[in-house]
Amino acid sequence: MKLPRYSEYKNSGMSWIGEVPSHWSVRRLKEIVRFSGGGTPTRDNPAFWNGDIPWISPKDMKSEFIASSEESITTAGLAGSASSLVPQGTLLMVVRSGILKHTIPVGINTIPVALNQDMKALHAYGVRTDFLLRWVQGLNDRLLLAWAKQGATVESIEYDYLANTLIPHPDDGEQRAITVFLDRETAKIDALIAEQERLLELLAEKRQAVISHAVTKGLNTDAPMKDSGVAWLGEVPAHWDVARLATLYREVNEPGSDDRPTLSVSIHDGVSDDEIDEADSERKITRSEDKGKYKRVEPNDLTYNMMRAWQGAFGSVTVSGQVSPAYVVARPRTIIETGFVEALLRTPKAKEQIRRHSRGITDFRLRLYWDEFKELRVGVPPHNEQVEVLASIDQMNRQFDELQSAAESLIELLYERRSALIAAAVTGQIDVREVA
């Protein structure tokens, strides 16, 4: 859609915005908005403590229209929240949170709410709330940069910076035209984004299903089948063996050394092929200075994190290294491709069996010990077939990765298009009055 520009422009007085239509005014935010914040209410306001009032915090700002917190209303007040009620139709903004490094979450509440102390309510009286919402969305990156240059931190938006921010200000009718246009056009873009996100979900499901079938049923769809005798495995190809892991692997506990990289196991990617820096780790790593406490691993070993095994924290080792003392290390007793066993143990049904064999009071205290792990029974094809299955999985993964990358790139482009369109409309770089 090619949209026209306005006939005349003027300098807005803001270098980060540039020119605006000549008939627009420029107002400080505090001239058209009244602010209120959040905090812990006193006990003489029982409605805030007995579950009558929904609480909003930064984690609830996941959409443009906010109804209530996902947490229990009756307990949220204990963490500290607003001491006054914010009426529906108010712009809610996160002003203090680590996520401000990337974006300023905003939304409009559809019911009266109370606010967490990291939030502010912007009560509009000289501007339309829906226009203000689009203004923040469209200028998100530029607002953060402008406030940072004034001395604000990206973790917190101080009141003075927020209140004195200049905002391009068309009249009420033009604000309405802009918001009607943006509501319509962003809805189209959001629908396309939702389609691609659903595609990503389907690709993930398909990838898992294809891999699960390959490591439990093989690649030959015409192969005769037999009952494995293992409920979660069901039928396996007739020429496959069904064996306890104890007959395939033995536990080893060889000490590590300073000259070996410390490897880790991810629930998503298996064993790393190099030492991972603590800053890049998906979880905080506490490492001992005494490398002799670590466990030595060699290529084709199987290792797993005892506390996260039930989530799929298994891996086939590809390089010589060492792992945490909290890991179990198993070495093949026979000729076997541990990558095949890893792929099998990562299937949903196998992970459920692992969870059942783990010991602990709650999920996040579960541990899978070797004595329980070694009793699991798995289907084992001949070695040459294991190699063929792994090669097929690698090829399928490359195809799925390409499709996933294409969908993710399109989503990124759509978000960029959405943001650029909003920014252009709320700063008057395009004239949407006729099409609105």
Protein backbone atom coordinates (compact mmCIF):
# COMPACT_ATOMS: atom_id res chain seq x y z
CA MET A 1 0.00 0.00 0.00
CA LYS A 2 1.52 3.31 -1.14
CA LEU A 3 0.38 6.11 1.15
CA PRO A 4 0.87 9.85 0.52
CA ARG A 5 2.74 12.30 2.73
CA TYR A 6 1.27 15.50 4.10
CA SER A 7 1.66 18.62 1.97
CA GLU A 8 3.66 20.63 4.51
CA TYR A 9 6.00 19.77 7.39
CA LYS A 10 7.84 21.57 10.20
CA ASN A 11 10.70 20.74 12.55
CA SER A 12 9.33 18.91 15.60
CA GLY A 13 12.18 20.09 17.82
CA MET A 14 13.12 16.47 18.45
CA SER A 15 16.10 15.15 16.51
CA TRP A 16 14.97 11.57 17.09
CA ILE A 17 11.65 12.27 15.35
CA GLY A 18 12.48 14.95 12.79
CA GLU A 19 9.72 16.72 10.88
CA VAL A 20 6.00 16.47 11.60
CA PRO A 21 3.00 17.81 9.69
CA SER A 22 2.91 21.61 9.93
CA HIS A 23 -0.60 21.72 11.43
CA TRP A 24 0.28 19.32 14.28
CA SER A 25 1.26 20.68 17.68
CA VAL A 26 4.04 19.32 19.88
CA ARG A 27 3.16 18.78 23.56
CA ARG A 28 5.00 17.55 26.61
CA LEU A 29 3.52 14.31 27.83
CA LYS A 30 2.76 15.78 31.26
CA GLU A 31 0.54 18.40 29.60
CA ILE A 32 -1.85 15.80 28.20
CA VAL A 33 -1.48 12.88 30.63
CA ARG A 34 -1.80 12.44 34.38
CA PHE A 35 0.44 9.79 35.95
CA SER A 36 -0.16 7.35 38.78
CA GLY A 37 2.10 4.57 40.01
CA GLY A 38 2.04 1.37 41.95
CA GLY A 39 3.03 0.39 45.47
CA THR A 40 2.02 -1.73 48.41
CA PRO A 41 -1.42 -0.78 49.80
CA THR A 42 -2.09 -0.46 53.50
CA ARG A 43 -4.15 -3.08 55.31
CA ASP A 44 -7.04 -0.64 55.72
CA ASN A 45 -7.81 -1.20 52.01
CA PRO A 46 -9.18 -4.76 52.26
CA ALA A 47 -10.29 -4.91 48.62
CA PHE A 48 -6.64 -4.99 47.60
CA TRP A 49 -5.92 -7.96 49.82
CA ASN A 50 -8.99 -10.19 49.74
CA GLY A 51 -9.02 -11.02 46.04
CA ASP A 52 -11.51 -8.42 44.84
CA ILE A 53 -9.05 -6.51 42.63
CA PRO A 54 -6.82 -7.96 39.86
CA TRP A 55 -3.12 -7.08 40.05
CA ILE A 56 -0.95 -6.21 37.05
CA SER A 57 2.84 -6.57 36.91
CA PRO A 58 5.39 -6.52 34.03
CA LYS A 59 4.97 -10.21 33.29
CA ASP A 60 1.28 -9.64 32.53
CA MET A 61 2.05 -7.17 29.72
CA LYS A 62 1.84 -9.71 26.92
CA SER A 63 -0.79 -8.06 24.73
CA GLU A 64 -2.22 -4.65 23.86
CA PHE A 65 -5.30 -5.24 26.02
CA ILE A 66 -4.80 -6.48 29.58
CA ALA A 67 -7.55 -8.11 31.61
CA SER A 68 -5.86 -9.43 34.77
CA SER A 69 -2.82 -11.10 36.26
CA GLU A 70 -2.16 -14.80 35.71
CA GLU A 71 -1.19 -15.17 39.36
CA SER A 72 -3.62 -15.73 42.17
CA ILE A 73 -5.27 -12.43 42.94
CA THR A 74 -5.41 -13.24 46.63
CA THR A 75 -1.63 -13.63 46.98
CA ALA A 76 -0.29 -11.08 44.50
CA GLY A 77 -0.64 -8.22 46.97
CA LEU A 78 1.96 -9.79 49.22
CA ALA A 79 4.60 -8.93 46.57
CA GLY A 80 3.58 -5.26 46.63
CA SER A 81 1.18 -3.52 44.28
CA ALA A 82 -0.78 -0.33 43.71
CA SER A 83 -2.63 1.40 46.50
CA SER A 84 -5.27 2.91 44.20
CA LEU A 85 -7.54 1.49 41.55
CA VAL A 86 -6.79 2.24 37.89
CA PRO A 87 -10.00 2.60 35.85
CA GLN A 88 -10.43 0.62 32.66
CA GLY A 89 -9.27 2.23 29.43
CA THR A 90 -6.02 3.54 30.95
CA LEU A 91 -2.60 3.15 29.33
CA LEU A 92 -0.41 0.91 31.48
CA MET A 93 3.37 1.11 31.05
CA VAL A 94 6.27 -0.85 32.52
CA VAL A 95 8.78 1.69 33.85
CA ARG A 96 11.15 -0.44 35.90
CA SER A 97 12.27 -3.86 34.76
CA GLY A 98 15.20 -5.61 33.07
CA ILE A 99 13.08 -6.08 29.94
CA LEU A 100 13.33 -2.33 29.31
CA LYS A 101 16.71 -3.06 27.75
CA HIS A 102 14.78 -4.24 24.71
CA THR A 103 11.28 -2.79 24.75
CA ILE A 104 8.76 -0.71 26.68
CA PRO A 105 5.73 -2.94 27.29
CA VAL A 106 2.45 -1.02 27.14
CA GLY A 107 -1.22 -1.94 27.06
CA ILE A 108 -4.72 -0.74 27.85
CA ASN A 109 -6.62 -2.39 30.70
CA THR A 110 -10.13 -3.62 29.91
CA ILE A 111 -11.18 -3.83 33.58
CA PRO A 112 -10.23 -1.83 36.70
CA VAL A 113 -6.88 -3.03 38.05
CA ALA A 114 -4.20 -2.32 40.65
CA LEU A 115 -0.57 -1.94 39.61
CA ASN A 116 2.68 -3.52 40.64
CA GLN A 117 5.37 -1.03 41.75
CA ASP A 118 7.21 -1.48 38.42
CA MET A 119 4.26 0.01 36.52
CA LYS A 120 2.77 3.42 35.82
CA ALA A 121 -0.70 4.35 34.64
CA LEU A 122 -1.00 7.16 32.10
CA HIS A 123 -4.45 8.77 32.43
CA ALA A 124 -4.99 10.64 29.14
CA TYR A 125 -7.06 13.83 29.13
CA GLY A 126 -5.50 15.76 26.24
CA VAL A 127 -4.86 12.83 23.93
CA ARG A 128 -6.61 9.63 22.92
CA THR A 129 -5.41 6.61 24.90
CA ASP A 130 -5.38 4.38 21.83
CA PHE A 131 -3.28 6.94 19.94
CA LEU A 132 -0.87 7.11 22.88
CA LEU A 133 -0.58 3.32 22.85
CA ARG A 134 0.40 3.36 19.17
CA TRP A 135 2.79 6.25 19.76
CA VAL A 136 4.78 4.27 22.34
CA GLN A 137 4.71 1.13 20.19
CA GLY A 138 5.87 2.92 17.06
CA LEU A 139 8.67 4.88 18.73
CA ASN A 140 9.74 2.22 21.22
CA ASP A 141 13.41 1.96 20.23
CA ARG A 142 13.76 5.69 19.69
CA LEU A 143 12.17 6.48 23.06
CA LEU A 144 14.58 4.20 24.91
CA LEU A 145 17.54 5.72 23.05
CA ALA A 146 16.34 9.28 23.67
CA TRP A 147 15.85 8.68 27.40
CA ALA A 148 19.24 6.94 27.66
CA LYS A 149 20.96 9.94 26.06
CA GLN A 150 19.36 12.17 28.68
CA GLY A 151 20.90 10.05 31.42
CA ALA A 152 18.15 7.55 32.18
CA THR A 153 19.03 3.89 32.61
CA VAL A 154 17.52 1.26 30.35
CA GLU A 155 16.33 -0.62 33.46
CA SER A 156 14.20 2.27 34.70
CA ILE A 157 12.26 5.17 33.18
CA GLU A 158 12.42 8.06 35.63
CA TYR A 159 9.35 10.27 35.93
CA ASP A 160 11.09 13.46 34.75
CA TYR A 161 12.25 11.87 31.51
CA LEU A 162 8.85 10.38 30.86
CA ALA A 163 6.79 13.45 31.79
CA ASN A 164 8.88 15.91 29.76
CA THR A 165 9.00 13.85 26.60
CA LEU A 166 7.65 15.77 23.61
CA ILE A 167 4.93 14.07 21.60
CA PRO A 168 3.59 14.99 18.12
CA HIS A 169 -0.02 15.92 18.72
CA PRO A 170 -2.63 15.94 15.91
CA ASP A 171 -6.19 16.93 16.72
CA ASP A 172 -8.66 14.41 18.11
CA GLY A 173 -10.24 13.57 14.75
CA GLU A 174 -6.87 12.86 13.17
CA GLN A 175 -5.78 10.80 16.16
CA ARG A 176 -8.90 8.70 15.69
CA ALA A 177 -8.23 8.27 11.96
CA ILE A 178 -4.67 7.14 12.68
CA THR A 179 -5.74 4.61 15.32
CA VAL A 180 -8.56 3.22 13.13
CA PHE A 181 -6.09 2.75 10.27
CA LEU A 182 -3.47 1.15 12.52
CA ASP A 183 -5.96 -1.14 14.25
CA ARG A 184 -7.02 -2.47 10.86
CA GLU A 185 -3.55 -2.82 9.31
CA THR A 186 -1.82 -4.24 12.38
CA ALA A 187 -4.60 -6.83 12.70
CA LYS A 188 -3.70 -8.05 9.19
CA ILE A 189 -0.02 -8.24 10.07
CA ASP A 190 -0.77 -9.95 13.40
CA ALA A 191 -2.79 -12.60 11.56
CA LEU A 192 0.18 -13.31 9.27
CA ILE A 193 2.50 -13.52 12.28
CA ALA A 194 0.11 -15.94 14.00
CA GLU A 195 0.11 -18.15 10.89
CA GLN A 196 3.91 -18.33 10.89
CA GLU A 197 4.04 -19.00 14.63
CA ARG A 198 1.56 -21.84 14.17
CA LEU A 199 3.74 -23.14 11.33
CA LEU A 200 6.73 -23.18 13.71
CA GLU A 201 4.68 -25.21 16.21
CA LEU A 202 3.68 -27.68 13.49
CA LEU A 203 7.27 -27.98 12.29
CA ALA A 204 8.46 -28.74 15.82
CA GLU A 205 5.74 -31.36 16.23
CA LYS A 206 6.52 -32.90 12.85
CA ARG A 207 10.28 -32.94 13.55
CA GLN A 208 9.73 -34.76 16.83
CA ALA A 209 7.31 -37.23 15.28
CA VAL A 210 9.65 -38.06 12.39
CA ILE A 211 12.66 -38.55 14.67
CA SER A 212 10.64 -40.61 17.17
CA HIS A 213 9.43 -42.90 14.40
CA ALA A 214 12.94 -43.32 12.98
CA VAL A 215 14.52 -44.37 16.29
CA THR A 216 11.66 -46.64 17.40
CA LYS A 217 10.34 -48.11 14.12
CA GLY A 218 13.26 -47.68 11.70
CA LEU A 219 13.33 -46.25 8.17
CA ASN A 220 11.85 -49.21 6.29
CA THR A 221 8.08 -48.95 6.46
CA ASP A 222 7.73 -52.48 5.01
CA ALA A 223 9.90 -54.19 7.62
CA PRO A 224 8.17 -57.01 9.55
CA MET A 225 7.41 -56.00 13.13
CA LYS A 226 7.37 -57.77 16.50
CA ASP A 227 6.17 -56.93 19.98
CA SER A 228 9.09 -55.44 21.91
CA GLY A 229 7.67 -56.52 25.25
CA VAL A 230 8.18 -52.92 26.41
CA ALA A 231 4.91 -51.03 26.76
CA TRP A 232 6.25 -47.58 25.79
CA LEU A 233 8.13 -48.95 22.77
CA GLY A 234 5.33 -51.09 21.38
CA GLU A 235 6.27 -52.89 18.18
CA VAL A 236 9.79 -52.69 16.76
CA PRO A 237 11.27 -54.17 13.57
CA ALA A 238 11.56 -57.95 13.89
CA HIS A 239 15.33 -57.95 13.32
CA TRP A 240 16.02 -55.41 16.11
CA ASP A 241 17.21 -56.46 19.55
CA VAL A 242 15.55 -55.24 22.73
CA ALA A 243 18.12 -54.74 25.46
CA ARG A 244 18.62 -53.26 28.89
CA LEU A 245 20.90 -50.24 28.89
CA ALA A 246 23.05 -52.14 31.39
CA THR A 247 24.00 -54.59 28.62
CA LEU A 248 24.94 -51.74 26.28
CA TYR A 249 26.77 -49.40 28.70
CA ARG A 250 28.76 -49.46 31.92
CA GLU A 251 29.08 -46.56 34.32
CA VAL A 252 32.54 -44.99 34.50
CA ASN A 253 33.91 -42.47 36.96
CA GLU A 254 37.36 -41.38 35.81
CA PRO A 255 38.77 -38.12 37.24
CA GLY A 256 39.10 -35.04 35.03
CA SER A 257 42.13 -32.77 34.67
CA ASP A 258 43.05 -29.14 34.05
CA ASP A 259 43.88 -29.71 30.38
CA ARG A 260 40.39 -30.95 29.48
CA PRO A 261 37.47 -28.71 28.48
CA THR A 262 34.48 -28.82 30.81
CA LEU A 263 31.46 -29.82 28.74
CA SER A 264 27.80 -29.38 29.59
CA VAL A 265 24.55 -31.05 28.58
CA SER A 266 21.61 -29.02 27.29
CA ILE A 267 18.03 -30.27 27.23
CA HIS A 268 17.84 -28.84 23.71
CA ASP A 269 21.22 -29.53 22.09
CA GLY A 270 22.84 -32.41 23.95
CA VAL A 271 26.52 -32.31 24.90
CA SER A 272 28.54 -29.24 23.96
CA ASP A 273 31.65 -29.83 21.84
CA ASP A 274 33.64 -27.16 23.69
CA GLU A 275 33.70 -25.47 27.08
CA ILE A 276 30.76 -23.07 27.49
CA ASP A 277 31.37 -19.73 29.15
CA GLU A 278 29.26 -19.15 32.27
CA ALA A 279 27.73 -16.01 30.72
CA ASP A 280 26.49 -18.02 27.72
CA SER A 281 25.08 -20.90 29.71
CA GLU A 282 21.29 -21.41 29.88
CA ARG A 283 21.71 -21.99 33.61
CA LYS A 284 24.15 -20.62 36.15
CA ILE A 285 27.16 -22.91 36.45
CA THR A 286 29.05 -23.34 39.70
CA ARG A 287 32.43 -24.79 38.89
CA SER A 288 34.95 -26.24 41.30
CA GLU A 289 38.58 -25.22 41.12
CA ASP A 290 39.54 -28.85 41.71
CA LYS A 291 39.29 -30.40 38.23
CA GLY A 292 39.97 -33.80 39.73
CA LYS A 293 36.38 -33.82 40.99
CA TYR A 294 35.08 -33.71 37.42
CA LYS A 295 34.37 -36.83 35.39
CA ARG A 296 36.35 -37.65 32.28
CA VAL A 297 34.43 -38.31 29.06
CA GLU A 298 35.50 -39.64 25.67
CA PRO A 299 33.86 -39.63 22.22
CA ASN A 300 30.81 -41.91 22.01
CA ASP A 301 30.28 -41.90 25.78
CA LEU A 302 26.73 -41.27 26.99
CA THR A 303 26.36 -38.68 29.72
CA TYR A 304 23.40 -37.11 31.45
CA ASN A 305 22.53 -34.57 34.10
CA MET A 306 20.92 -36.52 36.94
CA MET A 307 18.63 -33.63 37.93
CA ARG A 308 17.45 -32.79 34.41
CA ALA A 309 17.42 -36.20 32.77
CA TRP A 310 13.62 -36.26 32.86
CA GLN A 311 13.66 -33.10 30.70
CA GLY A 312 15.94 -34.66 28.07
CA ALA A 313 19.37 -33.61 29.37
CA PHE A 314 21.15 -36.50 27.64
CA GLY A 315 23.99 -36.37 25.21
CA SER A 316 26.43 -38.29 23.09
CA VAL A 317 29.98 -37.05 23.67
CA THR A 318 31.88 -36.02 20.51
CA VAL A 319 35.19 -34.76 21.98
CA SER A 320 37.50 -35.68 24.83
CA GLY A 321 36.65 -33.59 27.88
CA GLN A 322 35.15 -33.68 31.35
CA VAL A 323 31.73 -33.08 32.88
CA SER A 324 30.28 -32.03 36.21
CA PRO A 325 30.38 -34.45 39.16
CA ALA A 326 26.56 -34.19 39.07
CA TYR A 327 26.52 -36.02 35.73
CA VAL A 328 26.50 -39.76 35.07
CA VAL A 329 28.96 -41.05 32.48
CA ALA A 330 28.31 -44.33 30.68
CA ARG A 331 30.72 -46.02 28.23
CA PRO A 332 29.67 -48.54 25.58
CA ARG A 333 30.24 -52.22 26.27
CA THR A 334 29.70 -53.03 22.61
CA ILE A 335 29.77 -51.42 19.16
CA ILE A 336 26.95 -48.89 19.27
CA GLU A 337 26.23 -45.37 18.03
CA THR A 338 25.49 -43.39 21.18
CA GLY A 339 23.95 -40.66 19.02
CA PHE A 340 21.19 -43.14 18.18
CA VAL A 341 20.58 -43.89 21.87
CA GLU A 342 20.55 -40.15 22.64
CA ALA A 343 17.90 -39.52 19.98
CA LEU A 344 15.84 -42.40 21.38
CA LEU A 345 16.07 -41.15 24.97
CA ARG A 346 14.94 -37.69 23.88
CA THR A 347 11.61 -38.93 22.51
CA PRO A 348 8.55 -37.91 24.59
CA LYS A 349 7.70 -41.49 25.59
CA ALA A 350 11.28 -42.22 26.67
CA LYS A 351 11.44 -39.02 28.72
CA GLU A 352 8.23 -40.04 30.48
CA GLN A 353 9.81 -43.40 31.38
CA ILE A 354 12.90 -41.59 32.64
CA ARG A 355 10.72 -39.33 34.79
CA ARG A 356 9.02 -42.40 36.28
CA HIS A 357 12.38 -44.00 37.08
CA SER A 358 13.73 -40.81 38.69
CA ARG A 359 13.58 -40.32 42.43
CA GLY A 360 12.52 -37.17 44.28
CA ILE A 361 9.69 -35.38 46.05
CA THR A 362 8.87 -32.92 43.23
CA ASP A 363 9.74 -32.66 39.54
CA PHE A 364 12.52 -30.18 40.10
CA ARG A 365 14.09 -32.41 42.75
CA LEU A 366 13.98 -35.57 40.64
CA ARG A 367 17.25 -37.42 40.13
CA LEU A 368 17.95 -40.29 37.76
CA TYR A 369 20.54 -42.59 39.29
CA TRP A 370 22.52 -45.13 37.32
CA ASP A 371 20.89 -48.08 39.09
CA GLU A 372 17.48 -47.01 37.79
CA PHE A 373 18.69 -45.80 34.40
CA LYS A 374 20.49 -49.03 33.49
CA GLU A 375 17.26 -51.02 33.81
CA LEU A 376 15.54 -49.14 30.98
CA ARG A 377 15.01 -51.30 27.88
CA VAL A 378 15.45 -49.91 24.39
CA GLY A 379 15.17 -51.14 20.81
CA VAL A 380 18.57 -51.63 19.16
CA PRO A 381 18.96 -52.03 15.38
CA PRO A 382 22.12 -53.47 13.80
CA HIS A 383 25.06 -51.05 13.83
CA ASN A 384 24.90 -50.24 10.11
CA GLU A 385 21.21 -49.38 10.50
CA GLN A 386 21.97 -47.10 13.45
CA VAL A 387 24.36 -45.19 11.17
CA GLU A 388 21.70 -44.97 8.45
CA VAL A 389 19.07 -43.69 10.90
CA LEU A 390 21.43 -41.01 12.22
CA ALA A 391 22.30 -39.89 8.68
CA SER A 392 18.59 -39.68 7.86
CA ILE A 393 17.92 -37.66 11.02
CA ASP A 394 20.73 -35.25 10.13
CA GLN A 395 19.25 -34.71 6.68
CA MET A 396 15.74 -34.22 8.05
CA ASN A 397 17.03 -31.78 10.65
CA ARG A 398 18.69 -29.69 7.94
CA GLN A 399 15.40 -29.54 6.04
CA PHE A 400 13.43 -28.62 9.15
CA ASP A 401 16.05 -26.02 10.09
CA GLU A 402 15.67 -24.36 6.69
CA LEU A 403 11.87 -24.23 7.00
CA GLN A 404 12.12 -22.95 10.57
CA SER A 405 14.65 -20.28 9.60
CA ALA A 406 12.43 -19.10 6.74
CA ALA A 407 9.39 -18.79 9.05
CA GLU A 408 11.41 -16.98 11.73
CA SER A 409 12.82 -14.55 9.15
CA LEU A 410 9.32 -13.79 7.88
CA ILE A 411 8.09 -13.19 11.44
CA GLU A 412 10.98 -10.79 12.03
CA LEU A 413 10.21 -8.92 8.80
CA LEU A 414 6.52 -8.71 9.70
CA TYR A 415 7.33 -7.26 13.13
CA GLU A 416 9.65 -4.74 11.50
CA ARG A 417 6.93 -3.82 9.01
CA ARG A 418 4.41 -3.47 11.85
CA SER A 419 6.67 -1.20 13.88
CA ALA A 420 7.65 0.92 10.88
CA LEU A 421 4.02 1.38 9.85
CA ILE A 422 2.99 2.50 13.35
CA ALA A 423 5.97 4.86 13.62
CA ALA A 424 5.24 6.44 10.24
CA ALA A 425 1.57 7.00 11.11
CA VAL A 426 1.99 8.46 14.61
CA THR A 427 4.72 10.88 13.47
CA GLY A 428 2.84 11.98 10.36
CA GLN A 429 5.27 10.56 7.82
CA ILE A 430 2.25 9.13 6.00
CA ASP A 431 -1.22 10.62 5.64
CA VAL A 432 -3.81 7.95 6.46
CA ARG A 433 -6.89 10.18 6.76
CA GLU A 434 -8.42 9.14 3.43
CA VAL A 435 -7.78 5.39 3.76
CA ALA A 436 -8.93 5.37 7.40
